[in-house]
Amino acid sequence: MSVYQHNSDLASVTRKSVSGEAQASNAIAWLTGRSLQRNSGVPLDLNWIKEVRVNTSAVERRAQTQVARRTVKKDWQAAWLLRAITCMDLTTLSGDDTDERVRRLCAKARHPIQAEIEQRLGIEALGIKVAAVCVYHTFVETALSALEGSGVGVAAVSTGFPAGLSPLAERVAEIRRSVEAGAQEIDVVITRAHVFGGRWQALYDEISAFKQACGPMHMKVILGSGDLLTLRNVARASFVAMMAGADFIKTSTGKEPTNATLPVSLVMVRAIREYAQQTGMAVGFKPAGGIRTAKQSLDWLALMKDELGNSWLSAELFRFGASGLLGDIERQLEHHATGRYSAEYRHPIA
């Protein structure tokens, strides 16, 4: 039996079972027995934003329990790691990116696990692949060509990534160009100064304009949490982004000094939970930047299961923004299959 199917907990929540639940009521998620729809946004509620409070000490204590607990082992661990791969946005956002590097990344996205390891684990039939490849607009067409027929999506960073400080009209036009080029997902950057100044209407209007430009394509709103200084700012920005129609809220660009952390992630996923309870709409979550080890991926998956439930354990509502993570996961899977750790250079990405 495949380890992906063997786990009686997380790994048993396969794409089929999650989508089966959703199809039963046209819902994309379930939370405490309630069906949830895709987020379409709501009018800005300033009272809701002003009432947001975050107990920083309590958040940090809760996050610490996540890494201190015993982790899953053996077949169960392998199954969780396979799930992590299917929730991955494999990313290259470097100044020296080339078409050839993007094509190599796309080849890895199609076949993220070496064939020999798949055979040893008995998972060939599962067709494990990543959720999407994330690139600059310049490489959208290259990625689309390389991924044709694979079912792997193409995401483009936009809106003056990573600073988000170019004129609004230019940022909106950039989104439209990426959509016209064929990108199925757009990762947008907010103006952090709106958060610092408490200009919630301006932030709402900005994200609403981005959403309109995205049309039916999924919009991931990058908060730049490492720049926002306080967890309260992170929570408030999360709510405004969701009210404005975000399909996902994302921690970071990966370019800030501090990127995805468990305390920030906890604040954001609890904002997602409160928003779902209040509106009946589900928003996805994407931690990005600094998640490099298989153990870290298990911590974040466990956080999603604990705080939001099984519906957030699929690519529809959860993604890792990652470049180096896949190599370590593949290395751990080879250890599970053979009992030996391989050298890092045997698991290149691009």
Protein backbone atom coordinates (compact mmCIF):
# COMPACT_ATOMS: atom_id res chain seq x y z
CA MET A 1 0.00 0.00 0.00
CA SER A 2 1.27 3.49 -0.86
CA VAL A 3 2.38 5.56 2.11
CA TYR A 4 0.29 8.41 0.67
CA GLN A 5 -2.82 6.28 1.08
CA HIS A 6 -1.72 4.48 4.24
CA ASN A 7 -1.93 7.42 6.67
CA SER A 8 -5.24 7.34 8.53
CA ASP A 9 -5.11 11.07 9.29
CA LEU A 10 -3.76 13.81 7.04
CA ALA A 11 -2.69 11.90 3.98
CA SER A 12 -6.06 10.17 3.70
CA VAL A 13 -7.56 13.56 2.93
CA THR A 14 -6.68 13.27 -0.74
CA ARG A 15 -7.68 15.61 -3.51
CA LYS A 16 -10.52 13.25 -4.32
CA SER A 17 -12.05 13.28 -0.85
CA VAL A 18 -11.79 17.04 -0.44
CA SER A 19 -13.23 17.79 -3.87
CA GLY A 20 -15.94 15.19 -3.25
CA GLU A 21 -17.10 17.06 -0.17
CA ALA A 22 -17.04 20.34 -2.04
CA GLN A 23 -19.00 19.00 -5.02
CA ALA A 24 -21.75 17.81 -2.71
CA SER A 25 -22.78 21.41 -2.03
CA ASN A 26 -20.78 23.47 -4.54
CA ALA A 27 -18.59 24.46 -1.58
CA ILE A 28 -14.83 24.81 -1.74
CA ALA A 29 -14.33 24.13 1.96
CA TRP A 30 -15.91 23.07 5.23
CA LEU A 31 -15.33 24.58 8.65
CA THR A 32 -16.96 23.14 11.79
CA GLY A 33 -19.61 21.49 9.65
CA ARG A 34 -20.45 24.60 7.65
CA SER A 35 -19.95 24.71 3.88
CA LEU A 36 -17.97 27.67 2.55
CA GLN A 37 -17.93 29.34 -0.84
CA ARG A 38 -15.08 30.97 -2.73
CA ASN A 39 -14.39 34.48 -1.49
CA SER A 40 -16.08 37.24 -3.47
CA GLY A 41 -15.33 40.01 -0.99
CA VAL A 42 -17.57 42.15 1.22
CA PRO A 43 -17.87 45.89 1.82
CA LEU A 44 -15.15 47.33 4.00
CA ASP A 45 -16.18 47.20 7.68
CA LEU A 46 -14.04 49.73 9.52
CA ASN A 47 -15.52 48.81 12.89
CA TRP A 48 -14.38 45.23 12.40
CA ILE A 49 -10.86 46.44 11.55
CA LYS A 50 -10.66 48.83 14.50
CA GLU A 51 -11.73 46.13 16.96
CA VAL A 52 -8.93 43.75 15.96
CA ARG A 53 -6.68 42.86 18.89
CA VAL A 54 -3.75 40.43 19.07
CA ASN A 55 -2.26 39.04 22.27
CA THR A 56 1.34 38.76 21.13
CA SER A 57 2.54 36.71 24.11
CA ALA A 58 -0.27 34.20 23.68
CA VAL A 59 0.41 33.91 19.95
CA GLU A 60 4.10 33.25 20.56
CA ARG A 61 3.33 30.61 23.20
CA ARG A 62 0.90 28.87 20.87
CA ALA A 63 3.41 28.93 18.01
CA GLN A 64 6.08 27.45 20.26
CA THR A 65 3.86 24.48 21.08
CA GLN A 66 3.66 23.77 17.35
CA VAL A 67 7.40 23.11 17.04
CA ALA A 68 7.80 21.50 20.47
CA ARG A 69 5.31 18.69 19.97
CA ARG A 70 6.30 15.27 18.70
CA THR A 71 6.10 15.02 14.94
CA VAL A 72 4.71 12.25 12.74
CA LYS A 73 7.05 9.35 11.93
CA LYS A 74 7.70 6.65 9.34
CA ASP A 75 4.92 6.08 6.76
CA TRP A 76 2.86 8.87 8.26
CA GLN A 77 5.69 11.34 7.87
CA ALA A 78 6.27 10.33 4.27
CA ALA A 79 2.58 10.81 3.56
CA TRP A 80 2.58 14.30 5.04
CA LEU A 81 5.66 15.21 2.98
CA LEU A 82 3.97 14.04 -0.20
CA ARG A 83 1.03 16.25 0.68
CA ALA A 84 3.43 19.19 1.17
CA ILE A 85 4.75 18.71 -2.37
CA THR A 86 1.24 18.91 -3.85
CA CYS A 87 0.71 22.22 -2.02
CA MET A 88 3.90 23.83 -3.29
CA ASP A 89 4.36 26.88 -5.51
CA LEU A 90 7.82 26.10 -6.87
CA THR A 91 9.40 29.52 -7.23
CA THR A 92 12.24 31.32 -8.94
CA LEU A 93 12.33 35.10 -8.50
CA SER A 94 15.98 36.00 -8.94
CA GLY A 95 17.52 38.84 -10.87
CA ASP A 96 19.53 36.32 -12.90
CA ASP A 97 16.57 34.15 -13.96
CA THR A 98 16.67 32.87 -17.54
CA ASP A 99 14.32 30.97 -19.82
CA GLU A 100 16.45 27.88 -19.40
CA ARG A 101 16.30 28.07 -15.59
CA VAL A 102 12.51 28.40 -15.74
CA ARG A 103 12.26 25.40 -18.08
CA ARG A 104 14.38 23.32 -15.69
CA LEU A 105 12.18 24.38 -12.79
CA CYS A 106 9.07 23.40 -14.76
CA ALA A 107 10.57 19.98 -15.49
CA LYS A 108 11.07 19.52 -11.76
CA ALA A 109 7.51 20.71 -11.11
CA ARG A 110 6.18 17.99 -13.43
CA HIS A 111 8.26 15.28 -11.72
CA PRO A 112 9.26 16.56 -8.27
CA ILE A 113 10.37 13.15 -7.00
CA GLN A 114 13.03 11.02 -8.69
CA ALA A 115 11.55 7.99 -10.42
CA GLU A 116 13.66 5.57 -8.37
CA ILE A 117 12.33 7.02 -5.11
CA GLU A 118 8.75 6.83 -6.39
CA GLN A 119 9.24 3.18 -7.26
CA ARG A 120 10.68 2.35 -3.85
CA LEU A 121 7.73 4.09 -2.16
CA GLY A 122 5.19 2.52 -4.49
CA ILE A 123 3.57 5.83 -5.38
CA GLU A 124 4.02 6.01 -9.15
CA ALA A 125 0.28 5.87 -9.80
CA LEU A 126 -0.41 8.91 -7.63
CA GLY A 127 1.15 11.29 -10.13
CA ILE A 128 2.57 13.59 -7.45
CA LYS A 129 3.35 17.08 -8.77
CA VAL A 130 3.52 20.59 -7.38
CA ALA A 131 0.57 22.97 -7.49
CA ALA A 132 2.15 25.78 -9.49
CA VAL A 133 5.33 27.41 -10.70
CA CYS A 134 5.75 31.05 -9.68
CA VAL A 135 7.79 33.38 -11.91
CA TYR A 136 8.16 36.97 -13.03
CA HIS A 137 5.83 38.16 -15.81
CA THR A 138 8.67 37.94 -18.33
CA PHE A 139 8.73 34.16 -17.98
CA VAL A 140 4.99 33.41 -17.97
CA GLU A 141 4.90 32.24 -21.58
CA THR A 142 8.05 30.14 -21.10
CA ALA A 143 6.49 28.42 -18.07
CA LEU A 144 3.17 27.85 -19.83
CA SER A 145 4.92 26.17 -22.74
CA ALA A 146 7.05 23.99 -20.47
CA LEU A 147 4.07 22.94 -18.33
CA GLU A 148 1.55 22.36 -21.12
CA GLY A 149 -0.69 19.38 -20.36
CA SER A 150 0.82 18.80 -16.91
CA GLY A 151 -1.96 20.29 -14.78
CA VAL A 152 0.61 22.43 -12.97
CA GLY A 153 -0.47 26.07 -12.79
CA VAL A 154 1.53 29.19 -13.61
CA ALA A 155 1.60 32.04 -11.10
CA ALA A 156 3.06 35.47 -11.84
CA VAL A 157 4.25 38.01 -9.30
CA SER A 158 2.94 41.44 -10.15
CA THR A 159 2.21 45.00 -9.00
CA GLY A 160 5.80 46.16 -8.77
CA PHE A 161 7.04 43.11 -6.89
CA PRO A 162 8.61 43.12 -4.34
CA ALA A 163 8.26 46.72 -3.12
CA GLY A 164 4.88 47.51 -4.69
CA LEU A 165 5.73 51.20 -4.99
CA SER A 166 5.18 51.85 -8.69
CA PRO A 167 2.13 53.96 -9.70
CA LEU A 168 -1.20 52.19 -9.25
CA ALA A 169 -2.09 52.36 -12.95
CA GLU A 170 1.16 50.62 -13.84
CA ARG A 171 0.60 47.91 -11.25
CA VAL A 172 -2.92 47.24 -12.52
CA ALA A 173 -1.66 47.15 -16.10
CA GLU A 174 1.00 44.64 -15.09
CA ILE A 175 -1.68 42.31 -13.74
CA ARG A 176 -3.65 42.56 -16.96
CA ARG A 177 -0.57 41.77 -19.05
CA SER A 178 0.13 38.63 -17.01
CA VAL A 179 -3.49 37.49 -17.28
CA GLU A 180 -3.45 38.10 -21.04
CA ALA A 181 -0.20 36.10 -21.25
CA GLY A 182 -1.99 33.13 -19.66
CA ALA A 183 -1.07 33.20 -15.96
CA GLN A 184 -3.75 31.42 -13.92
CA GLU A 185 -2.69 32.98 -10.59
CA ILE A 186 -1.43 36.44 -9.72
CA ASP A 187 0.58 37.26 -6.58
CA VAL A 188 0.12 40.97 -5.82
CA VAL A 189 1.95 43.26 -3.38
CA ILE A 190 0.16 45.78 -1.18
CA THR A 191 1.31 49.31 -0.35
CA ARG A 192 2.62 48.79 3.18
CA ALA A 193 2.38 52.54 3.91
CA HIS A 194 -1.42 52.23 3.87
CA VAL A 195 -1.13 49.84 6.82
CA PHE A 196 1.27 52.05 8.76
CA GLY A 197 -1.02 55.05 8.28
CA GLY A 198 -4.23 53.16 9.04
CA ARG A 199 -5.55 54.08 5.59
CA TRP A 200 -7.81 51.07 5.36
CA GLN A 201 -10.12 52.48 2.69
CA ALA A 202 -7.12 53.19 0.44
CA LEU A 203 -5.79 49.66 1.00
CA TYR A 204 -9.23 48.17 0.31
CA ASP A 205 -9.61 50.20 -2.90
CA GLU A 206 -6.13 49.21 -4.07
CA ILE A 207 -6.71 45.49 -3.58
CA SER A 208 -10.18 45.76 -5.13
CA ALA A 209 -8.59 47.29 -8.23
CA PHE A 210 -6.11 44.40 -8.35
CA LYS A 211 -8.96 41.90 -8.02
CA GLN A 212 -10.88 43.48 -10.88
CA ALA A 213 -7.78 43.31 -13.08
CA CYS A 214 -7.30 39.62 -12.19
CA GLY A 215 -10.81 38.76 -13.36
CA PRO A 216 -11.49 35.04 -12.74
CA MET A 217 -7.83 34.25 -12.03
CA HIS A 218 -6.84 33.56 -8.44
CA MET A 219 -5.34 36.52 -6.60
CA LYS A 220 -2.85 35.99 -3.78
CA VAL A 221 -2.32 39.14 -1.72
CA ILE A 222 1.21 39.48 -0.30
CA LEU A 223 1.14 41.41 2.97
CA GLY A 224 4.91 41.71 3.43
CA SER A 225 4.48 40.70 7.06
CA GLY A 226 8.15 41.22 7.87
CA ASP A 227 7.71 44.91 7.08
CA LEU A 228 4.45 45.41 9.01
CA LEU A 229 6.16 45.59 12.44
CA THR A 230 3.29 44.28 14.62
CA LEU A 231 1.01 41.26 14.63
CA ARG A 232 -1.94 43.61 14.95
CA ASN A 233 -0.98 45.25 11.66
CA VAL A 234 -0.74 41.79 10.09
CA ALA A 235 -4.22 40.86 11.33
CA ARG A 236 -5.80 44.12 10.18
CA ALA A 237 -4.18 43.93 6.76
CA SER A 238 -5.37 40.31 6.46
CA PHE A 239 -8.99 41.28 7.08
CA VAL A 240 -8.89 44.19 4.63
CA ALA A 241 -7.37 41.96 1.94
CA MET A 242 -10.09 39.34 2.43
CA MET A 243 -12.86 41.93 2.43
CA ALA A 244 -11.47 43.23 -0.88
CA GLY A 245 -11.75 39.79 -2.47
CA ALA A 246 -8.40 38.02 -1.96
CA ASP A 247 -8.44 34.33 -2.88
CA PHE A 248 -5.30 33.83 -0.77
CA ILE A 249 -3.42 35.90 1.74
CA LYS A 250 0.35 35.41 1.64
CA THR A 251 2.90 36.24 4.29
CA SER A 252 5.84 37.62 2.39
CA THR A 253 7.61 38.35 -0.86
CA GLY A 254 10.58 36.32 0.31
CA LYS A 255 12.68 39.47 -0.03
CA GLU A 256 12.08 40.96 3.44
CA PRO A 257 14.60 40.46 6.27
CA THR A 258 11.98 38.35 8.09
CA ASN A 259 9.57 36.27 6.04
CA ALA A 260 7.16 33.47 7.02
CA THR A 261 7.12 32.70 10.74
CA LEU A 262 4.73 30.57 12.75
CA PRO A 263 3.44 33.48 14.93
CA VAL A 264 2.59 35.54 11.84
CA SER A 265 1.04 32.49 10.19
CA LEU A 266 -1.09 31.77 13.27
CA VAL A 267 -2.45 35.32 13.25
CA MET A 268 -3.27 35.09 9.55
CA VAL A 269 -4.96 31.68 9.67
CA ARG A 270 -7.07 32.74 12.65
CA ALA A 271 -8.11 35.81 10.67
CA ILE A 272 -9.10 33.43 7.85
CA ARG A 273 -11.13 31.38 10.33
CA GLU A 274 -12.93 34.42 11.75
CA TYR A 275 -13.65 35.73 8.26
CA ALA A 276 -15.08 32.34 7.22
CA GLN A 277 -17.27 32.21 10.32
CA GLN A 278 -18.59 35.72 9.69
CA THR A 279 -19.07 35.59 5.91
CA GLY A 280 -19.35 31.93 4.90
CA MET A 281 -16.44 32.36 2.47
CA ALA A 282 -13.07 30.57 2.44
CA VAL A 283 -9.73 32.24 1.80
CA GLY A 284 -6.50 30.36 1.20
CA PHE A 285 -3.17 30.84 2.95
CA LYS A 286 0.38 30.90 1.55
CA PRO A 287 3.45 31.15 3.79
CA ALA A 288 6.47 32.15 1.72
CA GLY A 289 10.12 32.82 2.38
CA GLY A 290 12.44 30.98 4.74
CA ILE A 291 10.64 27.61 4.74
CA ARG A 292 13.49 25.35 3.70
CA THR A 293 13.27 22.06 5.61
CA ALA A 294 10.92 19.12 5.56
CA LYS A 295 10.39 19.50 9.31
CA GLN A 296 9.18 23.08 8.81
CA SER A 297 6.67 21.94 6.20
CA LEU A 298 5.23 19.48 8.73
CA ASP A 299 4.88 22.29 11.28
CA TRP A 300 2.87 24.41 8.86
CA LEU A 301 0.67 21.52 7.69
CA ALA A 302 -0.10 20.64 11.30
CA LEU A 303 -0.94 24.30 12.00
CA MET A 304 -3.43 24.34 9.11
CA LYS A 305 -5.07 21.12 10.25
CA ASP A 306 -5.31 22.27 13.87
CA GLU A 307 -6.64 25.76 13.13
CA LEU A 308 -8.71 25.35 9.95
CA GLY A 309 -9.28 21.64 9.37
CA ASN A 310 -8.88 19.23 6.50
CA SER A 311 -10.26 21.52 3.79
CA TRP A 312 -7.11 23.63 4.07
CA LEU A 313 -4.84 20.65 3.39
CA SER A 314 -5.06 20.87 -0.39
CA ALA A 315 -3.65 23.21 -3.01
CA GLU A 316 -7.07 24.82 -3.42
CA LEU A 317 -6.58 26.63 -0.10
CA PHE A 318 -2.98 26.14 0.99
CA ARG A 319 0.37 26.73 -0.70
CA PHE A 320 4.01 26.86 0.27
CA GLY A 321 6.00 29.53 -1.54
CA ALA A 322 9.26 27.65 -1.85
CA SER A 323 12.48 27.31 -3.77
CA GLY A 324 14.76 25.23 -1.53
CA LEU A 325 12.09 23.23 0.32
CA LEU A 326 11.52 20.56 -2.31
CA GLY A 327 15.12 19.37 -2.25
CA ASP A 328 15.02 18.62 1.47
CA ILE A 329 11.64 16.88 1.23
CA GLU A 330 12.92 14.65 -1.58
CA ARG A 331 16.00 13.88 0.50
CA GLN A 332 13.83 12.84 3.46
CA LEU A 333 11.68 10.65 1.23
CA GLU A 334 14.79 8.90 -0.08
CA HIS A 335 15.87 8.27 3.50
CA HIS A 336 12.44 6.78 4.24
CA ALA A 337 12.73 4.51 1.20
CA THR A 338 16.36 3.43 1.64
CA GLY A 339 17.34 4.14 5.25
CA ARG A 340 20.20 6.35 4.04
CA TYR A 341 20.55 10.12 3.69
CA SER A 342 21.83 11.29 0.33
CA ALA A 343 23.95 14.35 -0.39
CA GLU A 344 22.07 17.56 -1.09
CA TYR A 345 23.61 17.92 -4.55
CA ARG A 346 21.72 14.79 -5.66
CA HIS A 347 18.45 16.71 -5.42
CA PRO A 348 18.90 19.84 -7.53
CA ILE A 349 15.98 22.13 -8.31
CA ALA A 350 17.06 24.32 -11.22
